[in-house]
Protein backbone atom coordinates (compact mmCIF):
# COMPACT_ATOMS: atom_id res chain seq x y z
CA MET A 1 2.01 -38.83 -14.54
CA ALA A 2 -0.18 -35.58 -15.83
CA LEU A 3 -1.42 -32.84 -14.13
CA THR A 4 -4.78 -33.43 -14.92
CA THR A 5 -7.23 -30.50 -16.62
CA ASP A 6 -8.85 -29.53 -13.87
CA CYS A 7 -6.09 -29.55 -11.22
CA GLU A 8 -3.72 -27.22 -14.20
CA THR A 9 -7.31 -24.85 -14.58
CA ILE A 10 -7.31 -24.16 -11.00
CA ARG A 11 -2.99 -23.77 -11.23
CA GLN A 12 -3.48 -21.03 -13.98
CA GLU A 13 -6.26 -19.11 -11.84
CA VAL A 14 -3.85 -19.31 -8.85
CA LEU A 15 -0.86 -17.59 -11.22
CA ALA A 16 -3.20 -14.89 -12.10
CA ALA A 17 -4.57 -14.26 -9.06
CA TYR A 18 -1.07 -13.75 -7.92
CA ARG A 19 1.03 -12.32 -11.13
CA ALA A 20 -2.45 -9.56 -11.12
CA ALA A 21 -1.59 -8.85 -6.63
CA GLY A 22 2.33 -8.59 -8.45
CA ALA A 23 3.21 -11.44 -6.15
CA THR A 24 5.72 -12.92 -9.21
CA GLY A 25 8.04 -10.61 -10.11
CA GLU A 26 11.76 -11.12 -9.86
CA ASP A 27 12.36 -8.68 -7.14
CA ASP A 28 10.76 -10.55 -4.66
CA PHE A 29 12.78 -13.70 -5.38
CA LEU A 30 16.24 -12.12 -5.65
CA GLN A 31 16.61 -12.02 -1.92
CA ILE A 32 15.64 -16.15 -1.86
CA THR A 33 17.54 -17.15 -5.25
CA GLU A 34 21.12 -15.67 -4.47
CA LEU A 35 20.74 -16.97 -0.96
CA ALA A 36 20.46 -20.29 -3.11
CA ALA A 37 23.84 -19.54 -4.99
CA ARG A 38 25.40 -18.93 -1.77
CA ILE A 39 24.11 -21.30 0.22
CA PHE A 40 24.96 -24.44 -2.03
CA ASP A 41 28.31 -22.97 -4.19
CA MET A 42 25.85 -22.92 -7.00
CA PRO A 43 26.21 -21.43 -10.55
CA ASN A 44 22.62 -21.90 -11.33
CA VAL A 45 19.40 -20.67 -9.42
CA CYS A 46 15.72 -19.77 -10.49
CA VAL A 47 12.17 -19.25 -9.32
CA SER A 48 10.46 -20.49 -12.22
CA PHE A 49 6.28 -20.76 -12.50
CA VAL A 50 4.95 -23.97 -15.15
CA ASP A 51 2.19 -22.36 -17.38
CA GLU A 52 1.85 -22.89 -21.01
CA THR A 53 5.95 -23.75 -21.05
CA TRP A 54 8.24 -23.23 -17.79
CA HIS A 55 8.71 -19.88 -17.30
CA ALA A 56 11.94 -19.00 -15.03
CA VAL A 57 11.01 -15.68 -13.08
CA SER A 58 14.20 -14.91 -11.01
CA ARG A 59 17.42 -16.58 -11.46
CA VAL A 60 21.18 -16.51 -11.17
CA GLY A 61 23.16 -18.00 -14.03
CA ASP A 62 23.12 -17.97 -17.81
CA PHE A 63 20.27 -20.17 -18.99
CA VAL A 64 17.28 -19.76 -21.47
CA SER A 65 14.02 -19.08 -18.53
CA ARG A 66 11.57 -20.16 -20.79
CA ASN A 67 11.09 -23.48 -22.52
CA ARG A 68 9.02 -26.35 -23.23
CA ARG A 69 7.33 -28.42 -20.13
CA GLU A 70 8.60 -31.21 -21.20
CA ASP A 71 12.69 -30.19 -21.45
CA VAL A 72 12.50 -29.69 -18.17
CA MET A 73 12.96 -31.42 -14.91
CA CYS A 74 11.05 -29.21 -13.24
CA THR A 75 7.57 -30.53 -15.28
CA VAL A 76 8.28 -34.01 -12.47
CA THR A 77 9.07 -31.49 -9.42
CA ILE A 78 6.14 -30.07 -10.12
CA GLU A 79 4.01 -33.45 -9.61
CA SER A 80 5.82 -34.13 -5.98
CA ASP A 81 5.59 -33.64 -2.56
CA GLU A 82 9.14 -32.91 -1.88
CA VAL A 83 12.60 -32.09 -3.43
CA PHE A 84 13.03 -33.55 -6.52
CA VAL A 85 16.94 -34.53 -6.67
CA VAL A 86 18.91 -35.74 -10.13
CA PRO A 87 22.29 -36.83 -9.18
CA ASP A 88 23.32 -37.42 -13.04
CA ALA A 89 20.67 -35.42 -15.97
CA GLY A 90 23.22 -37.62 -18.51
CA ILE A 91 22.23 -41.10 -17.78
CA ASP A 92 18.60 -40.24 -16.46
CA PRO A 93 16.57 -41.80 -19.04
CA ARG A 94 14.11 -39.40 -18.22
CA PHE A 95 16.05 -36.53 -19.54
CA ARG A 96 19.81 -37.03 -21.35
CA ASN A 97 18.25 -36.52 -24.24
CA SER A 98 16.53 -32.95 -22.65
CA PRO A 99 17.98 -29.80 -24.62
CA LEU A 100 19.34 -28.36 -21.17
CA VAL A 101 21.22 -31.42 -20.66
CA LYS A 102 22.47 -31.83 -24.24
CA GLY A 103 22.58 -28.24 -25.47
CA ALA A 104 25.41 -24.73 -24.07
CA ASN A 105 24.08 -25.85 -20.37
CA GLY A 106 24.86 -28.84 -20.17
CA VAL A 107 22.97 -29.61 -16.91
CA ARG A 108 24.18 -32.45 -15.17
CA PHE A 109 22.92 -32.19 -11.43
CA TYR A 110 19.82 -31.23 -10.71
CA ALA A 111 17.01 -30.27 -7.18
CA GLY A 112 14.60 -28.82 -7.38
CA ALA A 113 11.78 -27.72 -4.82
CA PRO A 114 8.37 -27.88 -5.44
CA LEU A 115 6.03 -24.03 -4.45
CA ILE A 116 3.07 -25.24 -2.84
CA THR A 117 0.46 -22.93 -2.00
CA PRO A 118 -1.56 -22.76 1.92
CA GLU A 119 -4.41 -24.34 -0.28
CA GLY A 120 -2.17 -27.41 -1.66
CA THR A 121 -1.85 -25.52 -5.14
CA ARG A 122 1.18 -26.73 -7.10
CA VAL A 123 2.32 -23.34 -8.59
CA GLY A 124 6.51 -23.84 -10.00
CA THR A 125 9.16 -24.34 -8.29
CA LEU A 126 12.88 -23.15 -6.92
CA CYS A 127 15.30 -25.60 -8.13
CA ILE A 128 19.41 -25.07 -8.18
CA PHE A 129 20.90 -27.17 -11.10
CA ASP A 130 24.74 -27.76 -12.11
CA SER A 131 26.85 -28.72 -15.37
CA ARG A 132 28.83 -30.43 -12.28
CA LEU A 133 28.18 -33.98 -11.16
CA ARG A 134 27.26 -33.32 -7.58
CA THR A 135 26.24 -34.29 -3.64
CA PHE A 136 23.24 -33.15 -2.54
CA SER A 137 23.03 -34.39 1.47
CA ARG A 138 19.60 -34.57 3.62
CA GLU A 139 20.44 -31.92 5.34
CA GLN A 140 21.04 -29.74 2.27
CA THR A 141 17.85 -31.19 1.25
CA SER A 142 15.86 -29.36 4.11
CA MET A 143 17.52 -26.05 3.27
CA LEU A 144 16.35 -26.03 -0.55
CA GLY A 145 13.00 -27.37 0.56
CA THR A 146 12.82 -24.40 3.32
CA LEU A 147 13.98 -21.98 0.96
CA ALA A 148 10.90 -22.64 -1.25
CA GLY A 149 8.56 -22.21 1.92
CA PHE A 150 10.09 -19.01 1.78
CA VAL A 151 9.41 -18.30 -1.37
CA VAL A 152 5.91 -18.97 -1.15
CA GLU A 153 5.80 -17.13 2.16
CA ARG A 154 6.77 -13.84 0.16
CA MET A 155 4.19 -14.46 -2.76
CA GLU A 156 1.24 -15.13 0.19
CA LEU A 157 2.32 -11.81 1.97
CA ARG A 158 2.33 -9.92 -1.66
CA ARG A 159 -1.16 -11.15 -2.24
CA HIS A 160 -2.75 -10.52 1.01
CA LEU A 161 -0.55 -6.87 1.13
CA HIS A 162 -2.59 -6.57 -2.56
CA ASP A 163 -6.39 -7.37 -1.01
CA ALA A 164 -5.65 -5.60 2.01
CA ASN A 165 -4.71 -2.29 -0.45
CA LEU A 166 -8.55 -3.45 -1.71
CA ASP A 167 -12.72 -2.39 -0.29
CA ALA A 168 -13.39 -5.61 0.36
CA LEU A 169 -17.38 -5.39 -0.88
CA THR A 170 -16.46 -3.09 -4.34
CA GLY A 171 -13.29 -4.48 -5.49
CA LEU A 172 -11.90 -0.24 -5.56
CA LEU A 173 -9.05 1.21 -3.36
CA ASN A 174 -9.87 1.63 -0.21
CA ARG A 175 -9.23 5.11 1.79
CA GLN A 176 -6.07 4.23 3.15
CA THR A 177 -4.55 3.11 -0.46
CA LEU A 178 -6.66 6.58 -1.42
CA GLN A 179 -4.77 8.01 1.18
CA ARG A 180 -1.15 7.05 -0.39
CA ALA A 181 -1.40 7.87 -4.12
CA MET A 182 -2.54 11.50 -3.05
CA GLU A 183 0.56 11.52 -0.68
CA HIS A 184 2.54 9.67 -4.01
CA ALA A 185 0.87 12.44 -6.14
CA GLY A 186 2.32 15.36 -7.88
CA ASP A 187 1.89 19.16 -7.35
CA GLU A 188 -1.79 18.84 -9.65
CA ALA A 189 -4.98 17.12 -9.20
CA THR A 190 -8.18 16.24 -9.08
CA LEU A 191 -10.43 15.22 -6.23
CA LEU A 192 -14.22 14.33 -7.12
CA LEU A 193 -16.30 12.28 -4.29
CA VAL A 194 -19.26 11.39 -4.82
CA ASP A 195 -22.32 10.53 -3.07
CA LEU A 196 -25.30 8.50 -3.27
CA ASP A 197 -28.62 9.95 -4.01
CA GLY A 198 -31.78 7.69 -2.83
CA PHE A 199 -28.88 4.74 -0.92
CA LYS A 200 -30.76 5.09 2.43
CA GLU A 201 -34.16 4.97 1.39
CA VAL A 202 -32.47 1.45 -0.61
CA ASN A 203 -30.78 0.24 2.86
CA ASP A 204 -34.61 0.83 4.39
CA THR A 205 -37.06 -0.55 2.48
CA LEU A 206 -34.80 -3.55 0.32
CA GLY A 207 -32.63 -4.55 2.78
CA HIS A 208 -28.70 -4.19 3.72
CA ALA A 209 -27.79 -7.56 1.18
CA VAL A 210 -29.41 -5.42 -1.44
CA GLY A 211 -27.59 -2.42 -0.80
CA ASP A 212 -24.48 -4.47 -1.31
CA ARG A 213 -25.17 -4.97 -4.83
CA VAL A 214 -26.08 -1.68 -5.72
CA LEU A 215 -22.63 -0.68 -4.20
CA GLN A 216 -20.85 -3.21 -6.13
CA ALA A 217 -22.92 -1.86 -9.45
CA VAL A 218 -22.38 2.22 -8.70
CA GLY A 219 -18.27 0.31 -7.71
CA THR A 220 -17.86 -1.25 -10.96
CA ARG A 221 -19.62 1.92 -13.02
CA LEU A 222 -16.71 4.27 -11.87
CA ALA A 223 -14.59 2.12 -12.87
CA THR A 224 -15.26 1.72 -16.19
CA VAL A 225 -15.66 5.49 -16.21
CA ALA A 226 -12.07 6.00 -14.35
CA GLU A 227 -10.14 3.55 -16.36
CA GLY A 228 -7.68 5.63 -18.13
CA ASN A 229 -8.81 8.80 -16.22
CA GLY A 230 -7.84 8.39 -12.92
CA LEU A 231 -8.53 6.09 -9.19
CA ALA A 232 -11.57 5.61 -8.34
CA ALA A 233 -11.83 4.51 -4.31
CA ARG A 234 -14.35 3.71 -1.68
CA LEU A 235 -14.01 5.50 1.45
CA GLY A 236 -16.99 3.75 3.04
CA GLY A 237 -20.95 3.35 2.83
CA ASP A 238 -22.26 5.14 -0.16
CA GLU A 239 -18.83 7.73 -0.65
CA PHE A 240 -16.82 7.17 -3.12
CA VAL A 241 -13.63 9.04 -5.21
CA VAL A 242 -12.22 9.38 -8.06
CA PHE A 243 -9.41 11.00 -8.53
CA VAL A 244 -7.26 12.43 -11.16
CA ASP A 245 -3.28 12.59 -10.81
CA GLY A 246 -1.48 15.64 -12.73
CA SER A 247 -4.63 17.69 -13.80
CA ALA A 248 -5.77 20.90 -12.05
CA ASP A 249 -8.30 21.54 -15.26
CA PRO A 250 -11.51 22.62 -13.31
CA LEU A 251 -13.32 22.25 -17.19
CA ALA A 252 -12.30 18.83 -17.01
CA GLY A 253 -13.04 17.34 -14.19
CA ARG A 254 -16.06 18.71 -14.23
CA GLY A 255 -16.37 16.65 -17.60
CA LEU A 256 -15.53 13.47 -15.78
CA ALA A 257 -17.84 14.51 -13.03
CA GLU A 258 -20.98 14.39 -15.12
CA ARG A 259 -19.80 11.12 -16.95
CA ILE A 260 -20.09 9.73 -13.34
CA ILE A 261 -23.96 11.01 -13.17
CA GLU A 262 -24.69 9.82 -16.20
CA HIS A 263 -23.82 6.47 -15.76
CA ILE A 264 -25.19 5.83 -12.35
CA CYS A 265 -27.97 7.17 -13.51
CA GLU A 266 -28.92 4.73 -15.73
CA PRO A 267 -30.62 1.84 -14.23
CA ILE A 268 -30.02 -1.08 -12.48
CA ALA A 269 -31.12 -4.17 -12.48
CA ILE A 270 -31.30 -6.73 -8.94
CA ASP A 271 -33.66 -9.38 -9.37
CA GLY A 272 -35.62 -8.85 -12.16
CA GLU A 273 -35.94 -4.96 -10.40
CA GLU A 274 -34.67 -1.82 -11.59
CA LEU A 275 -33.40 1.13 -9.49
CA ARG A 276 -32.39 4.04 -10.22
CA LEU A 277 -29.97 6.39 -8.45
CA GLY A 278 -28.99 9.83 -8.84
CA SER A 279 -25.16 11.02 -7.54
CA SER A 280 -23.65 14.16 -5.99
CA ILE A 281 -20.21 15.39 -6.49
CA GLY A 282 -17.52 17.81 -4.83
CA MET A 283 -14.83 18.71 -6.80
CA ALA A 284 -12.02 19.99 -5.24
CA LEU A 285 -8.60 20.74 -7.22
CA ARG A 286 -4.93 21.50 -6.24
CA SER A 287 -3.31 23.26 -8.60
CA GLU A 288 -0.99 26.42 -5.99
CA GLY A 289 1.20 24.18 -3.79
CA ARG A 290 0.98 20.92 -1.72
CA ILE A 291 -2.68 20.31 -0.48
CA SER A 292 -2.11 17.13 2.57
CA PRO A 293 -4.48 14.49 0.84
CA VAL A 294 -6.25 15.66 4.66
CA GLN A 295 -7.22 19.07 3.11
CA LEU A 296 -8.00 17.95 -0.26
CA LEU A 297 -10.73 15.00 1.02
CA GLY A 298 -12.22 18.19 3.08
CA ASN A 299 -12.69 21.11 0.30
CA ALA A 300 -14.83 18.16 -1.21
CA ASP A 301 -16.57 17.66 1.48
CA LEU A 302 -17.42 21.23 1.45
CA ALA A 303 -18.25 21.08 -2.00
CA LEU A 304 -19.91 18.24 -1.52
CA TYR A 305 -21.99 19.53 0.65
CA SER A 306 -23.19 22.73 -1.27
CA ALA A 307 -23.76 20.03 -4.32
CA LYS A 308 -25.94 18.04 -1.81
CA ALA A 309 -27.90 21.58 -0.07
CA ASP A 310 -28.61 23.28 -4.06
CA GLY A 311 -30.46 19.50 -4.76
CA ARG A 312 -29.22 16.47 -6.08
CA GLY A 313 -27.55 15.59 -9.42
CA ARG A 314 -24.96 18.36 -8.62
CA VAL A 315 -21.63 19.17 -9.23
CA HIS A 316 -20.12 22.17 -7.54
CA LEU A 317 -16.20 23.36 -7.06
CA PHE A 318 -14.93 24.32 -4.19
CA ASN A 319 -13.80 27.52 -3.16
CA GLN A 320 -13.23 28.90 -0.14
CA SER A 321 -16.04 30.55 0.60
CA MET A 322 -18.00 27.77 1.88
CA ARG A 323 -15.37 27.75 5.17
CA SER A 324 -16.58 28.28 7.63
CA ARG A 325 -12.86 29.55 9.43
CA ALA A 326 -9.67 29.32 7.76
CA ILE A 327 -8.50 25.87 7.68
CA ASP A 328 -6.15 26.16 4.39
CA ARG A 329 -2.51 25.16 4.68
CA GLY A 330 -1.48 28.88 5.28
CA ASN A 331 -3.50 29.66 7.81
CA VAL A 332 -2.57 26.34 9.35
CA ALA A 333 0.58 26.80 9.33
CA LEU A 334 -0.26 30.26 11.17
CA GLU A 335 -1.69 28.99 13.77
CA LEU A 336 1.02 26.36 14.04
CA GLU A 337 3.77 28.41 14.25
CA ASP A 338 0.97 30.63 17.29
CA ALA A 339 0.56 27.61 18.53
CA TRP A 340 4.39 27.08 18.76
CA GLU A 341 5.32 30.60 20.33
CA SER A 342 2.52 29.53 23.09
CA ASN A 343 3.88 26.71 23.88
CA GLU A 344 0.21 24.31 23.47
CA PHE A 345 1.71 21.08 22.39
CA VAL A 346 2.99 18.32 24.50
CA MET A 347 4.00 15.05 24.16
CA HIS A 348 1.71 12.11 25.17
CA TYR A 349 2.84 8.23 25.00
CA GLN A 350 1.17 5.27 24.12
CA PRO A 351 3.01 2.01 26.28
CA GLN A 352 4.44 -1.38 25.06
CA VAL A 353 3.92 -4.12 26.65
CA ASN A 354 5.41 -7.39 26.65
CA LEU A 355 2.40 -9.34 25.50
CA ALA A 356 3.38 -12.86 27.99
CA ASP A 357 2.68 -10.73 31.27
CA GLY A 358 1.48 -7.19 30.13
CA SER A 359 5.02 -5.77 32.07
CA LEU A 360 5.61 -2.29 30.15
CA LEU A 361 8.75 -3.15 27.53
CA GLY A 362 8.31 1.06 26.44
CA ALA A 363 6.37 3.77 25.20
CA GLU A 364 6.20 5.42 21.19
CA ALA A 365 5.67 9.37 22.04
CA LEU A 366 2.82 10.98 19.98
CA LEU A 367 2.57 14.51 19.79
CA ARG A 368 -0.47 16.57 21.03
CA TRP A 369 -1.89 20.27 20.20
CA LYS A 370 -3.57 21.64 22.81
CA TYR A 371 -5.85 24.13 21.18
CA PRO A 372 -7.09 27.77 22.89
CA TYR A 373 -11.36 26.15 24.15
CA GLN A 374 -10.87 23.46 22.37
CA GLY A 375 -9.24 20.82 24.09
CA PHE A 376 -6.39 18.27 21.96
CA ILE A 377 -6.52 18.52 18.17
CA ALA A 378 -6.44 14.80 16.53
CA PRO A 379 -2.21 14.92 14.65
CA ALA A 380 -4.32 13.80 11.55
CA ALA A 381 -5.61 17.07 11.60
CA PHE A 382 -2.47 19.40 11.06
CA ILE A 383 0.56 16.18 10.99
CA GLY A 384 0.24 16.65 6.73
CA VAL A 385 0.85 20.71 6.96
CA LEU A 386 3.53 20.32 10.22
CA GLU A 387 5.84 18.34 8.28
CA LYS A 388 6.03 20.01 4.72
CA SER A 389 6.24 23.73 7.62
CA ALA A 390 9.54 25.57 7.93
CA LEU A 391 8.63 24.65 11.63
CA ALA A 392 9.11 20.07 11.63
CA GLU A 393 12.82 20.88 11.61
CA ARG A 394 12.81 22.67 14.96
CA MET A 395 9.92 20.89 16.09
CA GLY A 396 10.99 16.81 15.44
CA GLU A 397 14.67 18.62 18.02
CA TRP A 398 12.31 19.17 20.21
CA ILE A 399 10.26 16.29 20.41
CA LEU A 400 13.26 13.57 20.32
CA ARG A 401 15.00 15.70 23.40
CA ASP A 402 11.30 15.42 24.91
CA GLY A 403 12.10 11.57 24.30
CA CYS A 404 14.66 10.85 25.46
CA ARG A 405 14.31 13.27 28.43
CA GLN A 406 11.62 11.20 29.44
CA ALA A 407 13.38 7.28 28.36
CA LYS A 408 15.82 8.17 31.73
CA ARG A 409 13.13 9.92 34.20
CA MET A 410 11.79 6.42 32.66
CA ARG A 411 14.07 4.57 33.76
CA THR A 412 15.37 6.65 37.36
CA LEU A 413 11.88 5.72 38.24
CA GLY A 414 12.56 2.13 37.69
CA ALA A 415 11.82 0.65 34.36
CA SER A 416 15.59 -0.10 33.67
CA ASP A 417 15.00 -1.44 30.45
CA PHE A 418 12.57 1.28 28.84
CA ARG A 419 12.40 2.30 25.58
CA MET A 420 10.98 5.12 23.68
CA ALA A 421 9.88 5.67 20.55
CA VAL A 422 10.05 8.58 18.70
CA ASN A 423 8.28 9.35 15.36
CA LEU A 424 10.67 11.53 12.73
CA PHE A 425 10.14 14.34 9.86
CA GLY A 426 12.15 14.12 6.60
CA ILE A 427 13.07 17.25 7.25
CA GLN A 428 14.95 15.72 10.18
CA PHE A 429 17.75 14.01 7.31
CA ARG A 430 17.97 17.78 5.98
CA ALA A 431 21.36 18.88 7.74
CA ARG A 432 22.16 15.46 7.94
CA THR A 433 23.71 15.79 11.06
CA LEU A 434 20.90 14.02 12.85
CA PRO A 435 23.36 11.04 14.24
CA ASP A 436 25.24 13.34 16.09
CA GLN A 437 22.30 15.58 17.57
CA VAL A 438 21.05 11.81 18.49
CA GLU A 439 24.30 11.25 20.10
CA ARG A 440 24.45 14.06 21.87
CA LEU A 441 21.27 14.03 23.24
CA LEU A 442 22.03 10.14 24.31
CA GLY A 443 25.11 11.87 26.36
CA GLU A 444 23.63 14.61 27.70
CA PHE A 445 20.43 12.77 29.06
CA ASP A 446 23.50 9.57 29.83
CA LEU A 447 21.43 7.17 27.80
CA PRO A 448 22.22 4.38 26.42
CA PRO A 449 21.49 3.39 22.26
CA ASP A 450 19.23 0.96 23.16
CA ALA A 451 17.06 3.88 25.25
CA LEU A 452 16.33 4.99 21.99
CA GLU A 453 14.27 4.16 18.62
CA LEU A 454 13.51 6.09 15.78
CA GLU A 455 10.00 5.48 13.36
CA VAL A 456 10.32 5.99 9.84
CA THR A 457 7.47 6.10 7.19
CA GLU A 458 8.03 4.28 4.01
CA THR A 459 8.21 7.17 2.38
CA ILE A 460 11.52 8.16 3.90
CA ALA A 461 12.81 4.64 3.87
CA LEU A 462 12.59 4.26 0.33
CA ASP A 463 14.08 8.03 -0.27
CA ARG A 464 16.09 7.80 -2.99
CA GLN A 465 18.63 10.09 -1.55
CA THR A 466 22.10 9.10 0.01
CA HIS A 467 22.31 10.64 2.62
CA ILE A 468 18.95 9.61 4.10
CA LYS A 469 20.04 5.92 3.99
CA GLN A 470 23.05 6.60 5.60
CA GLN A 471 21.94 8.83 8.46
CA LEU A 472 20.17 5.96 8.74
CA GLU A 473 22.82 3.19 8.63
CA THR A 474 24.79 5.10 10.83
CA LEU A 475 22.34 5.63 13.35
CA LYS A 476 22.11 1.79 13.58
CA GLU A 477 25.75 0.98 13.72
CA MET A 478 25.16 3.40 16.97
CA GLY A 479 23.16 0.94 17.97
CA VAL A 480 19.94 3.52 17.91
CA GLY A 481 16.94 1.48 16.73
CA ILE A 482 15.53 1.76 13.44
CA ALA A 483 11.41 0.78 13.23
CA LEU A 484 9.71 0.86 9.80
CA ASP A 485 5.88 2.14 11.19
CA ASP A 486 2.87 0.97 9.37
CA PHE A 487 4.37 -1.71 7.73
CA GLY A 488 2.11 -3.40 5.33
CA THR A 489 -0.42 0.03 4.25
CA GLY A 490 2.86 1.19 1.12
CA PHE A 491 2.90 -0.77 -2.07
CA ALA A 492 6.77 -1.15 -2.04
CA SER A 493 6.82 -2.15 2.24
CA LEU A 494 8.51 -5.58 0.92
CA SER A 495 11.54 -3.13 -0.96
CA ALA A 496 11.65 -1.21 2.33
CA LEU A 497 13.23 -4.40 4.14
CA ARG A 498 15.51 -5.32 0.97
CA THR A 499 17.02 -1.25 1.22
CA CYS A 500 16.32 0.19 4.65
CA PRO A 501 18.62 -0.67 7.69
CA LEU A 502 15.80 -1.72 9.88
CA THR A 503 15.16 -3.32 13.41
CA ARG A 504 11.70 -3.37 13.71
CA LEU A 505 8.95 -3.15 11.86
CA LYS A 506 5.63 -2.21 13.09
CA VAL A 507 2.57 -3.70 11.73
CA ASP A 508 -0.58 -1.46 11.23
CA ARG A 509 -3.48 -1.37 12.89
CA SER A 510 -5.50 -2.14 10.16
CA PHE A 511 -4.78 -5.51 9.84
CA VAL A 512 -4.87 -5.88 13.43
CA ARG A 513 -8.87 -5.09 13.43
CA GLY A 514 -9.85 -8.37 11.61
CA ILE A 515 -8.03 -11.15 12.61
CA GLU A 516 -10.83 -12.72 15.02
CA THR A 517 -13.11 -12.75 12.12
CA SER A 518 -10.99 -12.74 8.79
CA GLU A 519 -8.63 -15.26 7.32
CA ALA A 520 -6.66 -13.21 5.38
CA ASP A 521 -6.09 -10.46 8.02
CA ARG A 522 -4.96 -13.76 10.03
CA ALA A 523 -2.60 -14.93 7.29
CA ILE A 524 -1.37 -11.06 6.79
CA ILE A 525 -0.18 -11.53 10.44
CA ASP A 526 1.55 -14.59 9.83
CA SER A 527 3.35 -13.88 7.11
CA VAL A 528 4.79 -10.82 9.03
CA ILE A 529 5.75 -13.12 12.41
CA ARG A 530 7.83 -15.33 10.18
CA LEU A 531 8.67 -12.35 7.71
CA THR A 532 10.50 -10.81 10.99
CA LYS A 533 12.36 -14.18 11.93
CA GLY A 534 13.60 -14.61 7.92
CA PHE A 535 15.32 -10.67 8.86
CA ASP A 536 15.41 -10.83 11.85
CA LEU A 537 13.97 -7.38 13.06
CA ASP A 538 12.34 -7.25 16.29
CA LEU A 539 8.15 -6.45 15.76
CA THR A 540 5.94 -4.60 17.41
CA VAL A 541 1.88 -4.89 16.84
CA GLU A 542 -0.58 -1.47 16.54
CA GLY A 543 -3.32 -1.05 17.39
CA VAL A 544 -4.79 -4.09 19.71
CA GLU A 545 -8.29 -3.46 21.85
CA THR A 546 -9.12 -7.31 23.13
CA GLU A 547 -7.89 -10.34 25.47
CA ALA A 548 -9.11 -12.25 21.81
CA GLN A 549 -6.43 -10.11 19.26
CA ALA A 550 -3.82 -10.61 22.19
CA ALA A 551 -4.17 -14.05 22.83
CA PHE A 552 -3.78 -14.48 19.17
CA LEU A 553 -0.20 -12.38 19.28
CA ARG A 554 1.26 -14.61 21.96
CA GLU A 555 -0.09 -17.84 20.04
CA ARG A 556 1.93 -16.83 17.34
CA GLY A 557 5.55 -16.07 18.96
CA CYS A 558 4.68 -12.03 18.83
CA ARG A 559 6.38 -10.39 21.90
CA GLU A 560 5.79 -6.42 21.99
CA ALA A 561 2.03 -4.71 21.62
CA GLN A 562 0.32 -1.30 22.18
CA GLY A 563 -3.41 -0.19 21.69
CA PHE A 564 -6.07 0.96 23.74
CA LEU A 565 -6.88 -2.96 25.41
CA TYR A 566 -3.21 -1.66 27.50
CA ALA A 567 -3.54 1.77 27.52
CA LYS A 568 -3.84 5.03 25.75
CA ALA A 569 -1.88 7.61 24.50
CA LEU A 570 -1.24 8.86 27.81
CA PRO A 571 -0.12 12.46 29.69
CA VAL A 572 3.01 11.74 31.31
CA ALA A 573 2.00 11.98 34.66
CA ASP A 574 -0.37 9.63 34.08
CA LEU A 575 2.66 6.84 32.76
CA GLU A 576 4.20 7.76 34.87
CA ARG A 577 1.46 7.13 37.70
CA ASP A 578 -0.52 4.23 35.71
CA TRP A 579 3.28 2.07 34.40
CA ILE A 580 5.54 2.81 37.15
CA ALA A 581 4.13 4.18 40.81
CA GLY A 582 1.84 1.03 40.51
CA GLY A 583 -1.11 2.70 40.63
CA GLU A 584 -4.63 1.14 39.07
CA ARG A 585 -3.15 -1.21 36.07
CA PRO A 586 -6.22 -2.61 33.18
CA HIS A 587 -7.19 -6.08 35.00
CA GLU A 588 -6.01 -8.05 31.87
CA LEU A 589 -2.41 -6.67 33.11
CA ALA A 590 -2.73 -8.23 36.28
CA GLY A 591 -1.39 -11.58 35.96
């Protein structure tokens, strides 16, 4: 039975969405095809999609990767609900004249499983075939179907991660994705911070629904202007960014900013009415040395404030006189050194709990700066400068030592299996002595290796320098945990699973925040849970703030979490009092 035109149209649309999300590339499925080749001892394996032709995107074996649809068994497989097996294609009247059977490949045995999306759309197949006749048991049939399910889950996860990188209203990059792009950018860059003039009046007089349509129109215009020049993003509200990597030319930046203002000034037609808005732009350049994304945005924000104070429709370039106090990188670095000498840094600890009963499993060690007269400064304000400074290596060793010391104390106080999670700086790998340092500290505090878990960023996990991977492999072999932090927010988190010796994933809080209302966020969490099981990894979910979120995770079989539902990051005295000495605990943990 041939697929109907409607089915065909839907399938092409779904395939196009997966391709746009980068979910149909060879590397996404290579592990699965190689695994299938080993499990079934099969010379030819492929993941294929069926559009105008049959196209194998990931394969094991030597065969033509694109054929006419009518010439392949997969055309029948994709219409099936179950695994489709052809014991001998040479005598099967449907296929005996196929080029794959009569040609150089001489296919005799074939088995294929359809790739069916959660919505029920059939997009492709996972198939195996051989020039020899083969028997195929019920268990093997079931296994092929399971592997096909893994393929679809991998596609879904990639699609949801792609969607999570975008602003839901405008389709532009969101703040988190922009910040990661800025972190990966070169030494020279231009950032334009765009704020709409008159948008508040639109919202107040015409309502938020019209306001949202205005933001969508502005997003489309920004994307048009930025195309070929830079990245367009929405930070939130009516604030947008255009980021240009590789150029710190103030004249070019001003020219781009003026084009943005011109495009935004054009009338926006909504329900037969024409609305007119203006915009003001703050411009910041990165031309000498490394300026963190947070600092570059801060510079642009100061320039934007100056532009709006000077009247609407202006472009102002950041300069040092705009700062009320010195927060450029050099002065922050000096302040960090002074703070180090003055013992202004302390560690707080956020409990990690068993979702089943709220019992304490461990904690994450988090750095805090107790700034004179101002209290504690959030790490986001200084960590970008710290990790690039000469202080980072000394600070990293101090944090590691303090984490081991506190882990020992927690175990001594009664938390016998307590595990301390410590974040690493990239610079700590430079001397190639991290495993020796960890081994020495474990011995000094008489701790087993599993009492320590080291958290790495995607940047560290994907670093191509072999000495980093070698040190991580050594640490894992020692029995020390290796966790990938903020999983799901990076450009290549799935690649990190293949290349980095991990024991745990930590799901970023941005995906947890929406699981009560967002089907996409729930699907992401479900996919990550299945992914960790497939890779035999432990999982900790960050940012759990409500009992409803915790209940959802418990239902999905997730074991560990951390977040404000249980406790914020605590000073050491509070951690010991509330979690060891039987002090007052949140009511959610009582039973």
